[in-house]
Amino acid sequence: MPTAGDIIKRALKTAGVLGVGQTALAEDTADALTDMNWMLSQWQRKRWLVYHLVDMALVSNGHNSYTIGPGGDFDMPLRPEKIASAFVRQMVASPSLRADFGLEIIEAREDYNLITLKDYPSFPSSIFYDSAFPLGNVLFTPTPASGLFEIHLAIKDTLPQFSTVNDDIVLPAEYYAALHFNLARRLRVSYQLPADTGLDGLARDALNVVRGADLQLATLQMPMDLPGVMPLGLGIGLFGGGSGWTGVSFTENWAGGSLVTLGDYVLTGSAPYAFNIMSVETSVGSLGGQFTFTLSIDGVPIVSLSDILVSAVEKTTTPGNGYVGIGATVTLTINSVVGTPTDAWVTVSGNRT
């Protein structure tokens, strides 16, 4: 593989700065090395010029904010300017049952500021990336409970920065020509030489090859709160019981094991979108027993879903009808428990409006 010095030497010749048999001065070489590093820093900000996304992961610690960058919670050489995608993985006992759930990325601080409850513990549904410097901050809503989730962030890989001309260029082979011709193009400007249309064409072509190799287009998705967007089904629910937030989930699939206990469990502390509740699916779990529950919206019980008895191991569906507005709180209240129902679940299904 070539070194940074090899690319610089060829670029100086291609730019017309050096003639055949000539050797660059140390100052010229140092300036060209700086130009190449600056060019790579700009390429770093363009998804289509970075060949790889890195999956960074850590287990949740109960905080709603994590730092990212050199020495941060997500430790990487450079703080990223943005996060490409994110998901959480439920850390259940059986690895084969660890389901992944994508997170919505809130793009702007102005949108994040509109969230009513930013730090309530529940199943995370979205993240906002505060691109502070030198460490960025990844903010979750709701807050993922400690130890229950493995957080995954997809970040652009770091393109190299060269300390000396002897550093190897550890990049896919298609980058060599792109570095060569695009550095030569910049050097002509640095030495106040006129534009070279032939060189400009070679630089564009080489960069297009890199772009074609690196570009990955995600499936286009429309925001669900736009008028006219087709509603999608969703499920929110509680698996098991317990005295805290352990079982709260935004999914229709669980693998838990807590004993159902009396109390209130907030399924949605501040609904991020409006939806209509259509039905509730339930099971008493593997150890039998029974329990009753009531579902409430902002403290008002839903008539069709009040004091519902759950006594069957098989999945039972109870029709319901309730509108949950943006920012509303959905609460599941366990009213009574008989026996020791374990692995029980309650799933609220509905359609976004």
Protein backbone atom coordinates (compact mmCIF):
# COMPACT_ATOMS: atom_id res chain seq x y z
CA MET A 1 0.00 0.00 0.00
CA PRO A 2 1.23 3.55 -0.68
CA THR A 3 2.34 5.95 2.01
CA ALA A 4 1.15 9.51 2.45
CA GLY A 5 4.48 10.62 0.97
CA ASP A 6 3.92 8.54 -2.17
CA ILE A 7 0.58 10.25 -2.82
CA ILE A 8 2.03 13.70 -2.09
CA LYS A 9 4.98 13.20 -4.46
CA ARG A 10 2.72 12.09 -7.32
CA ALA A 11 0.21 14.88 -6.60
CA LEU A 12 2.94 17.55 -6.73
CA LYS A 13 4.08 16.21 -10.10
CA THR A 14 0.54 15.90 -11.48
CA ALA A 15 -0.23 19.44 -10.32
CA GLY A 16 2.77 20.73 -12.27
CA VAL A 17 4.59 21.91 -9.16
CA LEU A 18 7.46 19.41 -9.55
CA GLY A 19 9.26 18.44 -12.73
CA VAL A 20 10.81 15.10 -13.61
CA GLY A 21 13.71 14.30 -11.29
CA GLN A 22 12.96 17.18 -8.93
CA THR A 23 12.50 16.71 -5.18
CA ALA A 24 10.00 18.65 -3.10
CA LEU A 25 11.26 20.93 -0.36
CA ALA A 26 10.39 19.90 3.20
CA GLU A 27 8.09 22.92 3.49
CA ASP A 28 6.20 21.93 0.32
CA THR A 29 5.80 18.37 1.53
CA ALA A 30 4.57 19.51 4.96
CA ASP A 31 2.03 21.87 3.39
CA ALA A 32 0.78 19.12 1.07
CA LEU A 33 0.42 16.75 4.02
CA THR A 34 -1.71 19.34 5.80
CA ASP A 35 -3.82 19.83 2.69
CA MET A 36 -4.41 16.09 2.41
CA ASN A 37 -5.43 15.83 6.06
CA TRP A 38 -7.83 18.76 5.69
CA MET A 39 -9.30 17.18 2.57
CA LEU A 40 -9.88 13.90 4.43
CA SER A 41 -11.50 15.82 7.30
CA GLN A 42 -14.02 17.23 4.82
CA TRP A 43 -14.61 13.82 3.25
CA GLN A 44 -15.29 12.48 6.74
CA ARG A 45 -18.45 14.60 6.90
CA LYS A 46 -19.90 13.09 3.72
CA ARG A 47 -21.59 9.73 4.15
CA TRP A 48 -20.98 8.77 0.51
CA LEU A 49 -17.21 9.22 0.93
CA VAL A 50 -16.89 7.01 4.04
CA TYR A 51 -16.69 3.32 3.22
CA HIS A 52 -18.01 1.86 6.46
CA LEU A 53 -20.42 2.43 9.35
CA VAL A 54 -19.17 1.31 12.75
CA ASP A 55 -21.58 -0.31 15.23
CA MET A 56 -20.82 1.01 18.71
CA ALA A 57 -22.55 -0.60 21.66
CA LEU A 58 -22.80 -0.34 25.43
CA VAL A 59 -25.22 -1.55 28.09
CA SER A 60 -27.60 1.08 29.48
CA ASN A 61 -26.75 2.45 32.92
CA GLY A 62 -30.03 4.21 33.75
CA HIS A 63 -28.95 7.62 32.45
CA ASN A 64 -30.71 9.41 29.62
CA SER A 65 -27.51 11.00 28.29
CA TYR A 66 -24.27 9.39 27.07
CA THR A 67 -21.14 11.11 25.79
CA ILE A 68 -19.50 10.15 22.51
CA GLY A 69 -16.01 10.97 21.27
CA PRO A 70 -12.45 10.62 22.61
CA GLY A 71 -12.69 9.12 26.12
CA GLY A 72 -16.51 9.31 26.15
CA ASP A 73 -19.04 6.63 27.07
CA PHE A 74 -18.96 5.72 23.38
CA ASP A 75 -15.19 5.99 22.98
CA MET A 76 -14.00 6.81 19.46
CA PRO A 77 -11.12 8.90 18.01
CA LEU A 78 -13.33 11.75 16.77
CA ARG A 79 -16.71 12.96 17.91
CA PRO A 80 -19.13 12.32 15.02
CA GLU A 81 -21.10 15.16 13.49
CA LYS A 82 -24.23 12.97 13.39
CA ILE A 83 -25.56 9.48 14.08
CA ALA A 84 -26.60 7.44 11.05
CA SER A 85 -29.00 5.10 12.88
CA ALA A 86 -29.61 3.56 16.29
CA PHE A 87 -31.40 0.69 17.99
CA VAL A 88 -31.69 -0.96 21.40
CA ARG A 89 -31.47 -4.67 22.15
CA GLN A 90 -33.41 -6.17 25.05
CA MET A 91 -30.98 -7.94 27.37
CA VAL A 92 -33.11 -10.96 28.28
CA ALA A 93 -31.62 -14.18 29.64
CA SER A 94 -31.77 -16.14 26.39
CA PRO A 95 -29.53 -14.63 23.64
CA SER A 96 -31.79 -16.09 20.94
CA LEU A 97 -34.71 -14.00 22.25
CA ARG A 98 -32.89 -10.66 22.36
CA ALA A 99 -34.99 -8.53 20.05
CA ASP A 100 -33.73 -5.30 18.43
CA PHE A 101 -35.88 -2.18 18.20
CA GLY A 102 -35.00 0.78 16.00
CA LEU A 103 -34.94 4.28 17.46
CA GLU A 104 -36.24 7.40 15.80
CA ILE A 105 -33.53 10.05 15.41
CA ILE A 106 -34.66 13.55 16.36
CA GLU A 107 -32.71 15.79 14.00
CA ALA A 108 -33.01 19.20 15.66
CA ARG A 109 -32.70 20.63 19.17
CA GLU A 110 -35.90 22.59 18.51
CA ASP A 111 -37.85 19.33 18.10
CA TYR A 112 -36.21 17.74 21.14
CA ASN A 113 -37.18 20.76 23.25
CA LEU A 114 -40.86 20.09 22.48
CA ILE A 115 -40.82 16.74 24.31
CA THR A 116 -42.75 17.14 27.56
CA LEU A 117 -41.04 14.47 29.70
CA LYS A 118 -37.43 13.97 28.74
CA ASP A 119 -36.14 11.83 31.59
CA TYR A 120 -38.88 9.38 32.56
CA PRO A 121 -37.73 5.73 32.63
CA SER A 122 -39.39 3.48 30.07
CA PHE A 123 -38.71 1.67 26.79
CA PRO A 124 -36.65 4.11 24.66
CA SER A 125 -38.22 5.20 21.37
CA SER A 126 -36.03 8.06 20.12
CA ILE A 127 -32.68 9.78 20.48
CA PHE A 128 -31.40 13.29 19.94
CA TYR A 129 -27.73 13.89 19.19
CA ASP A 130 -26.30 17.07 20.67
CA SER A 131 -23.15 17.51 18.58
CA ALA A 132 -21.19 19.39 21.24
CA PHE A 133 -17.38 19.57 21.00
CA PRO A 134 -15.06 17.84 21.87
CA LEU A 135 -17.61 15.31 23.20
CA GLY A 136 -21.08 14.92 21.75
CA ASN A 137 -24.09 13.90 23.84
CA VAL A 138 -26.63 11.21 22.92
CA LEU A 139 -29.97 11.93 24.66
CA PHE A 140 -32.61 9.20 24.98
CA THR A 141 -36.38 9.54 25.33
CA PRO A 142 -37.65 7.72 27.32
CA THR A 143 -34.67 6.82 29.53
CA PRO A 144 -33.54 3.18 29.09
CA ALA A 145 -33.45 1.35 32.43
CA SER A 146 -30.09 0.24 33.78
CA GLY A 147 -28.88 -3.10 32.50
CA LEU A 148 -32.02 -3.90 30.49
CA PHE A 149 -30.85 -2.69 27.10
CA GLU A 150 -27.78 -2.79 24.93
CA ILE A 151 -27.58 0.49 23.04
CA HIS A 152 -26.26 0.40 19.47
CA LEU A 153 -25.24 3.44 17.42
CA ALA A 154 -24.20 3.37 13.76
CA ILE A 155 -21.42 5.92 13.23
CA LYS A 156 -19.33 6.69 10.16
CA ASP A 157 -15.90 5.06 10.41
CA THR A 158 -13.00 7.46 10.94
CA LEU A 159 -10.95 8.28 7.86
CA PRO A 160 -7.22 8.48 8.67
CA GLN A 161 -5.18 11.54 9.52
CA PHE A 162 -1.47 11.28 8.75
CA SER A 163 1.21 12.41 11.18
CA THR A 164 4.16 11.89 8.83
CA VAL A 165 4.73 11.23 5.14
CA ASN A 166 5.83 7.69 6.08
CA ASP A 167 2.37 6.71 7.36
CA ASP A 168 0.71 3.95 5.35
CA ILE A 169 -2.64 4.79 3.73
CA VAL A 170 -4.90 2.10 5.17
CA LEU A 171 -7.93 2.61 2.94
CA PRO A 172 -9.66 0.62 0.19
CA ALA A 173 -7.75 0.76 -3.10
CA GLU A 174 -10.29 3.05 -4.82
CA TYR A 175 -9.24 5.86 -2.47
CA TYR A 176 -5.67 6.03 -3.85
CA ALA A 177 -6.56 7.70 -7.15
CA ALA A 178 -9.13 9.92 -5.45
CA LEU A 179 -6.50 11.16 -2.99
CA HIS A 180 -3.92 11.62 -5.75
CA PHE A 181 -5.98 13.62 -8.25
CA ASN A 182 -8.01 15.63 -5.75
CA LEU A 183 -4.89 16.60 -3.79
CA ALA A 184 -3.22 17.64 -7.05
CA ARG A 185 -6.25 19.79 -7.85
CA ARG A 186 -5.97 21.55 -4.49
CA LEU A 187 -2.23 22.01 -4.87
CA ARG A 188 -2.70 23.88 -8.15
CA VAL A 189 -4.86 26.35 -6.23
CA SER A 190 -2.30 26.57 -3.41
CA TYR A 191 0.45 27.42 -5.90
CA GLN A 192 -1.83 29.84 -7.78
CA LEU A 193 -1.73 27.81 -10.97
CA PRO A 194 -4.63 28.01 -13.45
CA ALA A 195 -7.31 25.35 -13.46
CA ASP A 196 -6.55 22.21 -15.48
CA THR A 197 -9.71 20.78 -17.05
CA GLY A 198 -8.09 17.39 -17.60
CA LEU A 199 -7.07 17.18 -13.95
CA ASP A 200 -10.50 18.38 -12.83
CA GLY A 201 -12.13 15.58 -14.82
CA LEU A 202 -9.82 12.92 -13.39
CA ALA A 203 -10.45 14.21 -9.84
CA ARG A 204 -14.23 14.09 -10.32
CA ASP A 205 -14.12 10.63 -11.88
CA ALA A 206 -11.93 9.21 -9.09
CA LEU A 207 -14.20 10.69 -6.43
CA ASN A 208 -17.28 9.32 -8.19
CA VAL A 209 -15.75 5.84 -8.05
CA VAL A 210 -15.38 6.18 -4.28
CA ARG A 211 -18.92 7.57 -4.04
CA GLY A 212 -20.33 4.66 -6.04
CA ALA A 213 -18.52 2.11 -3.87
CA ASP A 214 -19.53 3.71 -0.56
CA LEU A 215 -23.05 4.95 -1.15
CA GLN A 216 -25.80 3.09 0.69
CA LEU A 217 -29.32 4.50 0.37
CA ALA A 218 -31.70 3.69 3.22
CA THR A 219 -35.37 3.10 2.42
CA LEU A 220 -37.24 6.39 2.36
CA GLN A 221 -39.67 6.73 5.26
CA MET A 222 -42.19 9.51 5.72
CA PRO A 223 -42.77 11.02 9.20
CA MET A 224 -45.84 9.40 10.72
CA ASP A 225 -47.29 12.71 11.93
CA LEU A 226 -47.64 14.11 8.40
CA PRO A 227 -51.23 14.39 7.13
CA GLY A 228 -52.11 11.66 4.66
CA VAL A 229 -49.44 9.20 5.76
CA MET A 230 -50.87 5.71 6.10
CA PRO A 231 -51.24 4.73 9.78
CA LEU A 232 -49.11 1.86 11.01
CA GLY A 233 -49.89 -0.60 13.75
CA LEU A 234 -48.02 -0.42 17.01
CA GLY A 235 -47.99 -2.13 20.33
CA ILE A 236 -47.19 -0.87 23.81
CA GLY A 237 -47.34 -3.03 26.83
CA LEU A 238 -46.10 -4.42 30.09
CA PHE A 239 -44.49 -7.81 30.50
CA GLY A 240 -44.57 -9.25 34.00
CA GLY A 241 -44.80 -6.85 36.90
CA GLY A 242 -42.43 -5.69 39.59
CA SER A 243 -42.26 -2.49 41.56
CA GLY A 244 -40.40 -0.36 39.03
CA TRP A 245 -40.04 0.24 35.34
CA THR A 246 -38.50 -3.11 34.53
CA GLY A 247 -41.29 -4.38 32.30
CA VAL A 248 -42.30 -1.29 30.38
CA SER A 249 -42.07 -1.81 26.64
CA PHE A 250 -42.97 -0.29 23.28
CA THR A 251 -43.23 -3.58 21.47
CA GLU A 252 -45.50 -6.55 20.95
CA ASN A 253 -42.78 -9.11 21.71
CA TRP A 254 -41.41 -9.86 25.17
CA ALA A 255 -39.28 -12.40 26.95
CA GLY A 256 -39.44 -11.50 30.61
CA GLY A 257 -40.32 -13.31 33.79
CA SER A 258 -41.39 -10.95 36.56
CA LEU A 259 -44.18 -11.76 38.98
CA VAL A 260 -47.28 -9.65 38.38
CA THR A 261 -47.87 -7.32 41.33
CA LEU A 262 -50.42 -4.66 42.22
CA GLY A 263 -49.76 -1.10 41.14
CA ASP A 264 -49.71 1.44 38.34
CA TYR A 265 -47.38 1.09 35.39
CA VAL A 266 -46.90 3.95 32.97
CA LEU A 267 -46.73 2.56 29.45
CA THR A 268 -46.40 5.93 27.76
CA GLY A 269 -45.29 8.86 29.89
CA SER A 270 -45.64 11.36 27.05
CA ALA A 271 -46.96 9.88 23.81
CA PRO A 272 -44.67 10.99 20.95
CA TYR A 273 -47.54 10.68 18.46
CA ALA A 274 -51.32 10.28 18.50
CA PHE A 275 -52.91 6.84 18.08
CA ASN A 276 -56.21 5.00 18.53
CA ILE A 277 -56.28 1.99 20.85
CA MET A 278 -57.91 -0.89 19.00
CA SER A 279 -57.50 -3.90 21.28
CA VAL A 280 -55.56 -5.46 24.15
CA GLU A 281 -53.97 -8.90 24.01
CA THR A 282 -53.27 -10.72 27.29
CA SER A 283 -51.97 -13.95 28.80
CA VAL A 284 -51.77 -14.97 32.46
CA GLY A 285 -48.41 -16.64 31.87
CA SER A 286 -46.93 -20.06 32.44
CA LEU A 287 -47.68 -20.56 36.18
CA GLY A 288 -51.41 -19.86 36.14
CA GLY A 289 -53.27 -17.65 38.60
CA GLN A 290 -55.17 -14.59 37.46
CA PHE A 291 -55.21 -10.79 37.68
CA THR A 292 -57.38 -7.85 36.66
CA PHE A 293 -56.29 -4.60 35.07
CA THR A 294 -57.60 -1.23 33.95
CA LEU A 295 -56.17 0.93 31.20
CA SER A 296 -56.32 4.72 31.63
CA ILE A 297 -55.52 7.74 29.46
CA ASP A 298 -54.37 10.77 31.46
CA GLY A 299 -55.88 9.19 34.58
CA VAL A 300 -59.32 8.54 33.03
CA PRO A 301 -60.16 4.81 32.75
CA ILE A 302 -61.18 3.50 29.34
CA VAL A 303 -64.68 2.10 29.88
CA SER A 304 -64.20 -0.89 27.57
CA LEU A 305 -60.86 -1.73 29.21
CA SER A 306 -61.71 -1.40 32.91
CA ASP A 307 -61.30 -4.22 35.44
CA ILE A 308 -60.50 -6.78 32.73
CA LEU A 309 -59.92 -10.33 34.06
CA VAL A 310 -56.86 -12.18 32.74
CA SER A 311 -57.02 -15.89 33.58
CA ALA A 312 -56.09 -17.79 30.40
CA VAL A 313 -52.66 -18.97 29.41
CA GLU A 314 -53.60 -18.72 25.73
CA LYS A 315 -53.56 -15.28 24.14
CA THR A 316 -56.86 -13.49 24.67
CA THR A 317 -57.91 -10.40 22.72
CA THR A 318 -60.20 -7.79 24.28
CA PRO A 319 -61.56 -5.09 21.92
CA GLY A 320 -61.00 -1.55 23.09
CA ASN A 321 -61.57 2.00 22.00
CA GLY A 322 -59.54 4.98 23.14
CA TYR A 323 -57.78 7.95 21.60
CA VAL A 324 -54.30 8.81 22.87
CA GLY A 325 -53.21 12.32 21.96
CA ILE A 326 -49.67 13.61 21.63
CA GLY A 327 -48.18 14.05 25.10
CA ALA A 328 -50.84 11.88 26.79
CA THR A 329 -50.03 9.38 29.53
CA VAL A 330 -51.20 5.77 29.20
CA THR A 331 -51.31 3.88 32.49
CA LEU A 332 -51.94 0.20 33.15
CA THR A 333 -53.23 -0.50 36.67
CA ILE A 334 -53.07 -4.02 38.12
CA ASN A 335 -56.17 -4.04 40.33
CA SER A 336 -56.06 -7.54 41.82
CA VAL A 337 -53.83 -10.61 41.74
CA VAL A 338 -54.72 -14.21 42.62
CA GLY A 339 -51.99 -16.83 42.81
CA THR A 340 -48.58 -16.15 41.28
CA PRO A 341 -49.06 -15.19 37.64
CA THR A 342 -45.59 -15.11 36.07
CA ASP A 343 -44.51 -14.42 32.50
CA ALA A 344 -47.87 -12.72 32.03
CA TRP A 345 -48.25 -9.98 29.47
CA VAL A 346 -50.53 -7.19 28.38
CA THR A 347 -50.17 -5.67 24.91
CA VAL A 348 -52.02 -2.56 23.80
CA SER A 349 -52.41 -2.50 20.01
CA GLY A 350 -53.48 0.45 17.95
CA ASN A 351 -53.04 2.58 14.88
CA ARG A 352 -51.21 5.87 14.59
CA THR A 353 -53.42 8.68 13.37
